[in-house]
N, C-alpha and C. Protein backbone atom coordinates (compact mmCIF):
# COMPACT_ATOMS: atom_id res chain seq x y z
N MET A 1 -0.67 16.74 8.27
CA MET A 1 -1.45 15.97 7.32
C MET A 1 -2.24 16.90 6.41
N VAL A 2 -2.76 17.96 6.98
CA VAL A 2 -3.53 18.91 6.18
C VAL A 2 -2.60 19.65 5.22
N LEU A 3 -1.40 19.97 5.67
CA LEU A 3 -0.43 20.68 4.85
C LEU A 3 -0.09 19.91 3.57
N PHE A 4 0.04 18.60 3.67
CA PHE A 4 0.40 17.78 2.52
C PHE A 4 -0.81 17.20 1.80
N GLY A 5 -2.01 17.42 2.33
CA GLY A 5 -3.22 16.92 1.69
C GLY A 5 -3.45 15.43 1.90
N TRP A 6 -2.92 14.89 2.98
CA TRP A 6 -3.11 13.47 3.27
C TRP A 6 -4.44 13.26 3.97
N PRO A 7 -5.19 12.23 3.61
CA PRO A 7 -6.46 11.97 4.28
C PRO A 7 -6.25 11.39 5.67
N ARG A 8 -7.15 11.69 6.58
CA ARG A 8 -7.03 11.23 7.96
C ARG A 8 -7.48 9.79 8.18
N PRO A 9 -8.53 9.30 7.51
CA PRO A 9 -8.99 7.93 7.80
C PRO A 9 -7.93 6.84 7.65
N PRO A 10 -7.08 6.85 6.60
CA PRO A 10 -6.05 5.80 6.53
C PRO A 10 -5.07 5.87 7.70
N PHE A 11 -4.76 7.08 8.16
CA PHE A 11 -3.86 7.22 9.30
C PHE A 11 -4.48 6.61 10.56
N VAL A 12 -5.74 6.91 10.79
CA VAL A 12 -6.43 6.38 11.98
C VAL A 12 -6.53 4.86 11.88
N LEU A 13 -6.87 4.36 10.70
CA LEU A 13 -6.97 2.91 10.49
C LEU A 13 -5.63 2.24 10.74
N GLY A 14 -4.55 2.82 10.22
CA GLY A 14 -3.22 2.27 10.45
C GLY A 14 -2.82 2.33 11.91
N PHE A 15 -3.18 3.41 12.57
CA PHE A 15 -2.86 3.57 13.98
C PHE A 15 -3.59 2.53 14.83
N VAL A 16 -4.85 2.27 14.50
CA VAL A 16 -5.66 1.32 15.28
C VAL A 16 -5.25 -0.12 14.98
N LEU A 17 -5.06 -0.45 13.71
CA LEU A 17 -4.78 -1.83 13.33
C LEU A 17 -3.30 -2.17 13.28
N GLY A 18 -2.43 -1.19 13.43
CA GLY A 18 -0.99 -1.42 13.29
C GLY A 18 -0.46 -2.50 14.22
N LYS A 19 -0.83 -2.45 15.49
CA LYS A 19 -0.33 -3.43 16.46
C LYS A 19 -0.82 -4.84 16.14
N VAL A 20 -2.07 -4.94 15.74
CA VAL A 20 -2.64 -6.26 15.40
C VAL A 20 -1.92 -6.84 14.19
N ILE A 21 -1.73 -6.02 13.17
CA ILE A 21 -1.05 -6.49 11.96
C ILE A 21 0.39 -6.89 12.27
N GLU A 22 1.07 -6.09 13.07
CA GLU A 22 2.45 -6.40 13.45
C GLU A 22 2.53 -7.72 14.21
N THR A 23 1.60 -7.95 15.11
CA THR A 23 1.57 -9.19 15.89
C THR A 23 1.38 -10.40 15.00
N TYR A 24 0.40 -10.35 14.11
CA TYR A 24 0.14 -11.49 13.24
C TYR A 24 1.24 -11.69 12.20
N PHE A 25 1.89 -10.61 11.77
CA PHE A 25 3.03 -10.74 10.88
C PHE A 25 4.16 -11.47 11.59
N PHE A 26 4.42 -11.10 12.84
CA PHE A 26 5.47 -11.76 13.63
C PHE A 26 5.16 -13.24 13.81
N ILE A 27 3.91 -13.56 14.11
CA ILE A 27 3.51 -14.96 14.28
C ILE A 27 3.73 -15.74 12.99
N SER A 28 3.35 -15.16 11.85
CA SER A 28 3.52 -15.84 10.56
C SER A 28 4.98 -16.09 10.24
N VAL A 29 5.82 -15.10 10.49
CA VAL A 29 7.25 -15.28 10.22
C VAL A 29 7.86 -16.29 11.17
N ALA A 30 7.45 -16.27 12.44
CA ALA A 30 7.99 -17.23 13.40
C ALA A 30 7.56 -18.65 13.06
N ARG A 31 6.35 -18.81 12.58
CA ARG A 31 5.83 -20.15 12.31
C ARG A 31 6.32 -20.71 10.96
N TYR A 32 6.27 -19.88 9.91
CA TYR A 32 6.55 -20.36 8.55
C TYR A 32 7.81 -19.78 7.93
N GLY A 33 8.49 -18.89 8.63
CA GLY A 33 9.63 -18.21 8.01
C GLY A 33 9.08 -17.27 6.93
N PHE A 34 9.86 -17.04 5.90
CA PHE A 34 9.39 -16.17 4.83
C PHE A 34 8.81 -16.99 3.66
N ARG A 35 8.66 -18.30 3.85
CA ARG A 35 8.07 -19.15 2.80
C ARG A 35 6.65 -18.75 2.47
N TRP A 36 5.91 -18.25 3.46
CA TRP A 36 4.51 -17.92 3.24
C TRP A 36 4.36 -16.76 2.25
N LEU A 37 5.42 -15.98 2.03
CA LEU A 37 5.36 -14.89 1.07
C LEU A 37 5.32 -15.36 -0.37
N SER A 38 5.68 -16.62 -0.60
CA SER A 38 5.66 -17.14 -1.97
C SER A 38 4.37 -17.88 -2.31
N GLN A 39 3.42 -17.90 -1.42
CA GLN A 39 2.12 -18.51 -1.70
C GLN A 39 1.38 -17.67 -2.74
N PRO A 40 0.67 -18.31 -3.68
CA PRO A 40 0.00 -17.56 -4.75
C PRO A 40 -0.96 -16.47 -4.25
N THR A 41 -1.71 -16.76 -3.22
CA THR A 41 -2.66 -15.77 -2.71
C THR A 41 -1.93 -14.55 -2.17
N VAL A 42 -0.84 -14.76 -1.46
CA VAL A 42 -0.07 -13.66 -0.90
C VAL A 42 0.58 -12.84 -2.02
N VAL A 43 1.10 -13.51 -3.03
CA VAL A 43 1.72 -12.81 -4.15
C VAL A 43 0.69 -11.95 -4.88
N ILE A 44 -0.50 -12.47 -5.10
CA ILE A 44 -1.56 -11.71 -5.76
C ILE A 44 -1.95 -10.50 -4.91
N LEU A 45 -2.07 -10.69 -3.61
CA LEU A 45 -2.41 -9.56 -2.73
C LEU A 45 -1.31 -8.50 -2.72
N MET A 46 -0.05 -8.92 -2.76
CA MET A 46 1.05 -7.94 -2.79
C MET A 46 1.05 -7.16 -4.10
N ILE A 47 0.80 -7.85 -5.21
CA ILE A 47 0.72 -7.17 -6.51
C ILE A 47 -0.43 -6.18 -6.51
N LEU A 48 -1.58 -6.60 -5.98
CA LEU A 48 -2.73 -5.72 -5.90
C LEU A 48 -2.42 -4.50 -5.01
N LEU A 49 -1.72 -4.72 -3.92
CA LEU A 49 -1.33 -3.63 -3.03
C LEU A 49 -0.44 -2.62 -3.75
N VAL A 50 0.53 -3.10 -4.50
CA VAL A 50 1.43 -2.21 -5.25
C VAL A 50 0.65 -1.41 -6.29
N VAL A 51 -0.27 -2.06 -6.98
CA VAL A 51 -1.07 -1.37 -7.99
C VAL A 51 -1.94 -0.29 -7.35
N VAL A 52 -2.58 -0.61 -6.23
CA VAL A 52 -3.45 0.35 -5.55
C VAL A 52 -2.64 1.54 -5.04
N ILE A 53 -1.44 1.30 -4.54
CA ILE A 53 -0.61 2.39 -4.04
C ILE A 53 -0.04 3.23 -5.19
N ALA A 54 0.36 2.59 -6.27
CA ALA A 54 1.01 3.30 -7.37
C ALA A 54 0.01 4.01 -8.29
N TYR A 55 -1.22 3.58 -8.34
CA TYR A 55 -2.19 4.13 -9.29
C TYR A 55 -2.38 5.64 -9.19
N PRO A 56 -2.58 6.20 -8.00
CA PRO A 56 -2.75 7.66 -7.93
C PRO A 56 -1.52 8.43 -8.44
N TYR A 57 -0.33 7.95 -8.15
CA TYR A 57 0.87 8.62 -8.61
C TYR A 57 1.00 8.53 -10.12
N LEU A 58 0.71 7.37 -10.68
CA LEU A 58 0.78 7.21 -12.13
C LEU A 58 -0.28 8.06 -12.82
N GLN A 59 -1.46 8.13 -12.23
CA GLN A 59 -2.54 8.93 -12.79
C GLN A 59 -2.16 10.42 -12.77
N LYS A 60 -1.59 10.88 -11.66
CA LYS A 60 -1.16 12.28 -11.56
C LYS A 60 -0.06 12.58 -12.56
N ARG A 61 0.86 11.67 -12.71
CA ARG A 61 1.96 11.84 -13.66
C ARG A 61 1.44 11.89 -15.10
N ARG A 62 0.50 11.03 -15.41
CA ARG A 62 -0.08 11.00 -16.75
C ARG A 62 -0.82 12.31 -17.05
N ARG A 63 -1.56 12.82 -16.05
CA ARG A 63 -2.27 14.10 -16.23
C ARG A 63 -1.29 15.25 -16.45
N ARG A 64 -0.18 15.22 -15.70
CA ARG A 64 0.82 16.27 -15.83
C ARG A 64 1.46 16.23 -17.22
N GLU A 65 1.77 15.03 -17.72
CA GLU A 65 2.40 14.89 -19.03
C GLU A 65 1.45 15.31 -20.14
N THR A 66 0.19 14.92 -20.06
CA THR A 66 -0.75 15.30 -21.11
C THR A 66 -1.08 16.78 -21.03
N GLY A 67 -1.09 17.34 -19.83
CA GLY A 67 -1.33 18.78 -19.66
C GLY A 67 -0.21 19.61 -20.24
N GLN A 68 1.01 19.17 -20.10
CA GLN A 68 2.15 19.90 -20.65
C GLN A 68 2.22 19.75 -22.15
N ALA A 69 1.77 18.61 -22.66
CA ALA A 69 1.81 18.39 -24.09
C ALA A 69 0.85 19.31 -24.82
N HIS A 70 -0.29 19.63 -24.20
CA HIS A 70 -1.29 20.49 -24.83
C HIS A 70 -1.01 21.97 -24.62
N ALA A 71 -0.14 22.31 -23.70
CA ALA A 71 0.14 23.73 -23.40
C ALA A 71 1.00 24.39 -24.44
């Protein structure tokens, strides 16, 4: 983790909450199938999740492109 510069808190959080999330995901799929994924609240949360995950990569890419343009 140190070699790649990954932060430790998200790893610990995922390690601790992973089983709970997996259990409730299984319960949701067993009860509702995959229909619950099309609910507006779930769709908004998934879009927000994608934006939060992609933002640092897009920001780094934008910095790299503008840095090369000025060089």
